Amino acid sequence: MKRNMSNLDRIIRVILAAVFAYLYFGGIVTGALGIVLLVLAAIFLLTAIVAFCPLYVPFKISTYKG
C-alpha cells in the first residue's frame, strides 16, 4: 500500500475517532447510531495508523505530498 494521506489528514481522523468514541462511551449517542459511530471511529483510527485510505484510490485522491 502506497501512502496517500498527509499528517494533517491523519490528525483530523484521530481527533474524529476520539470524538466518536467519547460520544459512544459517554452514553451521549446510543443504539444503532452509537454502533455506527464506533465502527467509523475504528475505521478512521486504522486508516490514520497505516496512512492509507482505500476510498481515495478510485477517486485518485492523495493528500500526501511526498
PDB file of N, CA and C in Angstrom:
ATOM      1  N   MET A   1       0.847  -1.189   0.000  1.00  0.00           N
ATOM      2  CA  MET A   1       0.000   0.000   0.000  1.00  0.00           C
ATOM      3  C   MET A   1       0.884   1.241   0.000  1.00  0.00           C
ATOM      4  N   LYS A   2       0.621   2.098  -0.921  1.00  0.00           N
ATOM      5  CA  LYS A   2       1.351   3.347  -1.010  1.00  0.00           C
ATOM      6  C   LYS A   2       0.624   4.393  -0.175  1.00  0.00           C
ATOM      7  N   ARG A   3       1.374   5.122   0.617  1.00  0.00           N
ATOM      8  CA  ARG A   3       0.790   6.149   1.484  1.00  0.00           C
ATOM      9  C   ARG A   3       0.050   7.188   0.639  1.00  0.00           C
ATOM     10  N   ASN A   4      -1.174   7.545   1.074  1.00  0.00           N
ATOM     11  CA  ASN A   4      -1.930   8.566   0.345  1.00  0.00           C
ATOM     12  C   ASN A   4      -2.598   9.578   1.278  1.00  0.00           C
ATOM     13  N   MET A   5      -2.102   9.646   2.525  1.00  0.00           N
ATOM     14  CA  MET A   5      -2.673  10.583   3.496  1.00  0.00           C
ATOM     15  C   MET A   5      -1.580  11.448   4.108  1.00  0.00           C
ATOM     16  N   SER A   6      -1.846  12.752   4.195  1.00  0.00           N
ATOM     17  CA  SER A   6      -0.904  13.661   4.832  1.00  0.00           C
ATOM     18  C   SER A   6      -1.039  13.558   6.353  1.00  0.00           C
ATOM     19  N   ASN A   7      -0.081  14.147   7.048  1.00  0.00           N
ATOM     20  CA  ASN A   7      -0.134  14.132   8.511  1.00  0.00           C
ATOM     21  C   ASN A   7      -1.350  14.880   9.038  1.00  0.00           C
ATOM     22  N   LEU A   8      -1.725  15.983   8.383  1.00  0.00           N
ATOM     23  CA  LEU A   8      -2.910  16.729   8.807  1.00  0.00           C
ATOM     24  C   LEU A   8      -4.162  15.874   8.663  1.00  0.00           C
ATOM     25  N   ASP A   9      -4.270  15.164   7.567  1.00  0.00           N
ATOM     26  CA  ASP A   9      -5.392  14.256   7.334  1.00  0.00           C
ATOM     27  C   ASP A   9      -5.445  13.198   8.437  1.00  0.00           C
ATOM     28  N   ARG A  10      -4.300  12.661   8.796  1.00  0.00           N
ATOM     29  CA  ARG A  10      -4.227  11.633   9.829  1.00  0.00           C
ATOM     30  C   ARG A  10      -4.630  12.195  11.198  1.00  0.00           C
ATOM     31  N   ILE A  11      -4.186  13.403  11.512  1.00  0.00           N
ATOM     32  CA  ILE A  11      -4.519  14.028  12.798  1.00  0.00           C
ATOM     33  C   ILE A  11      -6.021  14.271  12.896  1.00  0.00           C
ATOM     34  N   ILE A  12      -6.613  14.756  11.817  1.00  0.00           N
ATOM     35  CA  ILE A  12      -8.054  15.010  11.799  1.00  0.00           C
ATOM     36  C   ILE A  12      -8.825  13.711  12.033  1.00  0.00           C
ATOM     37  N   ARG A  13      -8.377  12.620  11.419  1.00  0.00           N
ATOM     38  CA  ARG A  13      -9.047  11.328  11.591  1.00  0.00           C
ATOM     39  C   ARG A  13      -8.936  10.822  13.034  1.00  0.00           C
ATOM     40  N   VAL A  14      -7.782  11.015  13.649  1.00  0.00           N
ATOM     41  CA  VAL A  14      -7.612  10.581  15.043  1.00  0.00           C
ATOM     42  C   VAL A  14      -8.515  11.399  15.964  1.00  0.00           C
ATOM     43  N   ILE A  15      -8.596  12.699  15.720  1.00  0.00           N
ATOM     44  CA  ILE A  15      -9.471  13.553  16.541  1.00  0.00           C
ATOM     45  C   ILE A  15     -10.934  13.143  16.366  1.00  0.00           C
ATOM     46  N   LEU A  16     -11.360  12.913  15.131  1.00  0.00           N
ATOM     47  CA  LEU A  16     -12.739  12.473  14.897  1.00  0.00           C
ATOM     48  C   LEU A  16     -13.013  11.123  15.555  1.00  0.00           C
ATOM     49  N   ALA A  17     -12.048  10.219  15.483  1.00  0.00           N
ATOM     50  CA  ALA A  17     -12.213   8.913  16.125  1.00  0.00           C
ATOM     51  C   ALA A  17     -12.378   9.079  17.629  1.00  0.00           C
ATOM     52  N   ALA A  18     -11.591   9.969  18.234  1.00  0.00           N
ATOM     53  CA  ALA A  18     -11.691  10.207  19.667  1.00  0.00           C
ATOM     54  C   ALA A  18     -13.043  10.813  20.037  1.00  0.00           C
ATOM     55  N   VAL A  19     -13.526  11.739  19.226  1.00  0.00           N
ATOM     56  CA  VAL A  19     -14.834  12.356  19.482  1.00  0.00           C
ATOM     57  C   VAL A  19     -15.945  11.313  19.362  1.00  0.00           C
ATOM     58  N   PHE A  20     -15.899  10.500  18.312  1.00  0.00           N
ATOM     59  CA  PHE A  20     -16.922   9.464  18.126  1.00  0.00           C
ATOM     60  C   PHE A  20     -16.904   8.464  19.281  1.00  0.00           C
ATOM     61  N   ALA A  21     -15.707   8.058  19.713  1.00  0.00           N
ATOM     62  CA  ALA A  21     -15.594   7.118  20.827  1.00  0.00           C
ATOM     63  C   ALA A  21     -16.129   7.750  22.113  1.00  0.00           C
ATOM     64  N   TYR A  22     -15.836   9.020  22.340  1.00  0.00           N
ATOM     65  CA  TYR A  22     -16.342   9.717  23.525  1.00  0.00           C
ATOM     66  C   TYR A  22     -17.871   9.778  23.511  1.00  0.00           C
ATOM     67  N   LEU A  23     -18.435  10.080  22.356  1.00  0.00           N
ATOM     68  CA  LEU A  23     -19.897  10.156  22.252  1.00  0.00           C
ATOM     69  C   LEU A  23     -20.537   8.809  22.559  1.00  0.00           C
ATOM     70  N   TYR A  24     -19.904   7.724  22.106  1.00  0.00           N
ATOM     71  CA  TYR A  24     -20.463   6.396  22.363  1.00  0.00           C
ATOM     72  C   TYR A  24     -20.253   5.969  23.813  1.00  0.00           C
ATOM     73  N   PHE A  25     -19.015   6.006  24.271  1.00  0.00           N
ATOM     74  CA  PHE A  25     -18.719   5.518  25.616  1.00  0.00           C
ATOM     75  C   PHE A  25     -19.223   6.453  26.709  1.00  0.00           C
ATOM     76  N   GLY A  26     -19.456   7.719  26.374  1.00  0.00           N
ATOM     77  CA  GLY A  26     -20.032   8.660  27.324  1.00  0.00           C
ATOM     78  C   GLY A  26     -21.543   8.532  27.428  1.00  0.00           C
ATOM     79  N   GLY A  27     -22.132   7.701  26.598  1.00  0.00           N
ATOM     80  CA  GLY A  27     -23.570   7.488  26.643  1.00  0.00           C
ATOM     81  C   GLY A  27     -24.364   8.598  25.990  1.00  0.00           C
ATOM     82  N   ILE A  28     -23.700   9.474  25.274  1.00  0.00           N
ATOM     83  CA  ILE A  28     -24.380  10.596  24.618  1.00  0.00           C
ATOM     84  C   ILE A  28     -25.135  10.110  23.385  1.00  0.00           C
ATOM     85  N   VAL A  29     -24.516   9.214  22.636  1.00  0.00           N
ATOM     86  CA  VAL A  29     -25.149   8.621  21.462  1.00  0.00           C
ATOM     87  C   VAL A  29     -25.229   7.120  21.706  1.00  0.00           C
ATOM     88  N   THR A  30     -26.427   6.577  21.640  1.00  0.00           N
ATOM     89  CA  THR A  30     -26.619   5.152  21.923  1.00  0.00           C
ATOM     90  C   THR A  30     -27.347   4.486  20.764  1.00  0.00           C
ATOM     91  N   GLY A  31     -27.551   3.208  20.907  1.00  0.00           N
ATOM     92  CA  GLY A  31     -28.310   2.456  19.910  1.00  0.00           C
ATOM     93  C   GLY A  31     -27.525   2.239  18.633  1.00  0.00           C
ATOM     94  N   ALA A  32     -28.255   2.136  17.530  1.00  0.00           N
ATOM     95  CA  ALA A  32     -27.648   1.846  16.234  1.00  0.00           C
ATOM     96  C   ALA A  32     -26.700   2.963  15.801  1.00  0.00           C
ATOM     97  N   LEU A  33     -27.076   4.208  16.034  1.00  0.00           N
ATOM     98  CA  LEU A  33     -26.207   5.321  15.664  1.00  0.00           C
ATOM     99  C   LEU A  33     -24.903   5.280  16.453  1.00  0.00           C
ATOM    100  N   GLY A  34     -24.972   4.895  17.700  1.00  0.00           N
ATOM    101  CA  GLY A  34     -23.772   4.763  18.511  1.00  0.00           C
ATOM    102  C   GLY A  34     -22.835   3.699  17.981  1.00  0.00           C
ATOM    103  N   ILE A  35     -23.392   2.573  17.557  1.00  0.00           N
ATOM    104  CA  ILE A  35     -22.581   1.498  16.984  1.00  0.00           C
ATOM    105  C   ILE A  35     -21.947   1.958  15.679  1.00  0.00           C
ATOM    106  N   VAL A  36     -22.708   2.668  14.860  1.00  0.00           N
ATOM    107  CA  VAL A  36     -22.169   3.183  13.597  1.00  0.00           C
ATOM    108  C   VAL A  36     -21.003   4.136  13.870  1.00  0.00           C
ATOM    109  N   LEU A  37     -21.162   5.020  14.844  1.00  0.00           N
ATOM    110  CA  LEU A  37     -20.084   5.947  15.186  1.00  0.00           C
ATOM    111  C   LEU A  37     -18.852   5.208  15.692  1.00  0.00           C
ATOM    112  N   LEU A  38     -19.054   4.165  16.472  1.00  0.00           N
ATOM    113  CA  LEU A  38     -17.938   3.382  16.986  1.00  0.00           C
ATOM    114  C   LEU A  38     -17.198   2.667  15.856  1.00  0.00           C
ATOM    115  N   VAL A  39     -17.929   2.138  14.902  1.00  0.00           N
ATOM    116  CA  VAL A  39     -17.304   1.484  13.747  1.00  0.00           C
ATOM    117  C   VAL A  39     -16.540   2.512  12.917  1.00  0.00           C
ATOM    118  N   LEU A  40     -17.124   3.681  12.696  1.00  0.00           N
ATOM    119  CA  LEU A  40     -16.430   4.745  11.967  1.00  0.00           C
ATOM    120  C   LEU A  40     -15.165   5.176  12.695  1.00  0.00           C
ATOM    121  N   ALA A  41     -15.236   5.257  14.012  1.00  0.00           N
ATOM    122  CA  ALA A  41     -14.062   5.624  14.805  1.00  0.00           C
ATOM    123  C   ALA A  41     -12.945   4.605  14.602  1.00  0.00           C
ATOM    124  N   ALA A  42     -13.289   3.339  14.599  1.00  0.00           N
ATOM    125  CA  ALA A  42     -12.288   2.289  14.392  1.00  0.00           C
ATOM    126  C   ALA A  42     -11.678   2.384  12.997  1.00  0.00           C
ATOM    127  N   ILE A  43     -12.506   2.634  11.995  1.00  0.00           N
ATOM    128  CA  ILE A  43     -12.013   2.759  10.617  1.00  0.00           C
ATOM    129  C   ILE A  43     -11.105   3.980  10.486  1.00  0.00           C
ATOM    130  N   PHE A  44     -11.527   5.104  11.051  1.00  0.00           N
ATOM    131  CA  PHE A  44     -10.705   6.318  10.999  1.00  0.00           C
ATOM    132  C   PHE A  44      -9.366   6.098  11.684  1.00  0.00           C
ATOM    133  N   LEU A  45      -9.385   5.436  12.827  1.00  0.00           N
ATOM    134  CA  LEU A  45      -8.143   5.188  13.561  1.00  0.00           C
ATOM    135  C   LEU A  45      -7.227   4.253  12.774  1.00  0.00           C
ATOM    136  N   LEU A  46      -7.778   3.207  12.214  1.00  0.00           N
ATOM    137  CA  LEU A  46      -6.975   2.264  11.443  1.00  0.00           C
ATOM    138  C   LEU A  46      -6.352   2.932  10.213  1.00  0.00           C
ATOM    139  N   THR A  47      -7.137   3.705   9.481  1.00  0.00           N
ATOM    140  CA  THR A  47      -6.599   4.366   8.289  1.00  0.00           C
ATOM    141  C   THR A  47      -5.565   5.425   8.658  1.00  0.00           C
ATOM    142  N   ALA A  48      -5.732   6.074   9.800  1.00  0.00           N
ATOM    143  CA  ALA A  48      -4.745   7.054  10.244  1.00  0.00           C
ATOM    144  C   ALA A  48      -3.432   6.376  10.617  1.00  0.00           C
ATOM    145  N   ILE A  49      -3.506   5.209  11.212  1.00  0.00           N
ATOM    146  CA  ILE A  49      -2.296   4.488  11.611  1.00  0.00           C
ATOM    147  C   ILE A  49      -1.502   4.028  10.392  1.00  0.00           C
ATOM    148  N   VAL A  50      -2.182   3.465   9.402  1.00  0.00           N
ATOM    149  CA  VAL A  50      -1.484   2.944   8.225  1.00  0.00           C
ATOM    150  C   VAL A  50      -1.253   4.015   7.153  1.00  0.00           C
ATOM    151  N   ALA A  51      -1.811   5.209   7.321  1.00  0.00           N
ATOM    152  CA  ALA A  51      -1.648   6.340   6.394  1.00  0.00           C
ATOM    153  C   ALA A  51      -2.129   5.992   4.983  1.00  0.00           C
ATOM    154  N   PHE A  52      -3.158   5.178   4.904  1.00  0.00           N
ATOM    155  CA  PHE A  52      -3.714   4.782   3.614  1.00  0.00           C
ATOM    156  C   PHE A  52      -5.229   4.714   3.720  1.00  0.00           C
ATOM    157  N   CYS A  53      -5.907   5.394   2.797  1.00  0.00           N
ATOM    158  CA  CYS A  53      -7.362   5.356   2.755  1.00  0.00           C
ATOM    159  C   CYS A  53      -7.795   4.691   1.454  1.00  0.00           C
ATOM    160  N   PRO A  54      -8.439   3.509   1.536  1.00  0.00           N
ATOM    161  CA  PRO A  54      -8.853   2.815   0.325  1.00  0.00           C
ATOM    162  C   PRO A  54      -9.879   3.591  -0.505  1.00  0.00           C
ATOM    163  N   LEU A  55     -10.659   4.452   0.116  1.00  0.00           N
ATOM    164  CA  LEU A  55     -11.648   5.234  -0.641  1.00  0.00           C
ATOM    165  C   LEU A  55     -11.005   6.313  -1.505  1.00  0.00           C
ATOM    166  N   TYR A  56      -9.767   6.688  -1.211  1.00  0.00           N
ATOM    167  CA  TYR A  56      -9.071   7.672  -2.027  1.00  0.00           C
ATOM    168  C   TYR A  56      -8.642   7.087  -3.371  1.00  0.00           C
ATOM    169  N   VAL A  57      -8.412   5.782  -3.429  1.00  0.00           N
ATOM    170  CA  VAL A  57      -7.850   5.145  -4.626  1.00  0.00           C
ATOM    171  C   VAL A  57      -8.756   5.275  -5.852  1.00  0.00           C
ATOM    172  N   PRO A  58     -10.047   4.910  -5.800  1.00  0.00           N
ATOM    173  CA  PRO A  58     -10.861   5.009  -7.021  1.00  0.00           C
ATOM    174  C   PRO A  58     -11.026   6.441  -7.523  1.00  0.00           C
ATOM    175  N   PHE A  59     -10.918   7.406  -6.613  1.00  0.00           N
ATOM    176  CA  PHE A  59     -11.082   8.804  -6.995  1.00  0.00           C
ATOM    177  C   PHE A  59      -9.750   9.489  -7.281  1.00  0.00           C
ATOM    178  N   LYS A  60      -8.648   8.730  -7.172  1.00  0.00           N
ATOM    179  CA  LYS A  60      -7.294   9.217  -7.423  1.00  0.00           C
ATOM    180  C   LYS A  60      -6.981  10.439  -6.555  1.00  0.00           C
ATOM    181  N   ILE A  61      -7.359  10.372  -5.281  1.00  0.00           N
ATOM    182  CA  ILE A  61      -7.097  11.432  -4.323  1.00  0.00           C
ATOM    183  C   ILE A  61      -5.874  11.060  -3.502  1.00  0.00           C
ATOM    184  N   SER A  62      -5.015  12.029  -3.259  1.00  0.00           N
ATOM    185  CA  SER A  62      -3.893  11.827  -2.365  1.00  0.00           C
ATOM    186  C   SER A  62      -3.588  13.161  -1.696  1.00  0.00           C
ATOM    187  N   THR A  63      -3.602  13.177  -0.369  1.00  0.00           N
ATOM    188  CA  THR A  63      -3.261  14.393   0.360  1.00  0.00           C
ATOM    189  C   THR A  63      -1.805  14.363   0.778  1.00  0.00           C
ATOM    190  N   TYR A  64      -1.105  13.289   0.462  1.00  0.00           N
ATOM    191  CA  TYR A  64       0.306  13.130   0.797  1.00  0.00           C
ATOM    192  C   TYR A  64       1.154  13.820  -0.250  1.00  0.00           C
ATOM    193  N   LYS A  65       2.049  14.678   0.191  1.00  0.00           N
ATOM    194  CA  LYS A  65       2.903  15.442  -0.738  1.00  0.00           C
ATOM    195  C   LYS A  65       4.356  14.965  -0.633  1.00  0.00           C
ATOM    196  N   GLY A  66       4.581  13.659  -0.726  1.00  0.00           N
ATOM    197  CA  GLY A  66       5.952  13.184  -0.538  1.00  0.00           C
ATOM    198  C   GLY A  66       6.468  12.310  -1.593  1.00  0.00           C
TER     199      GLY A  66
END
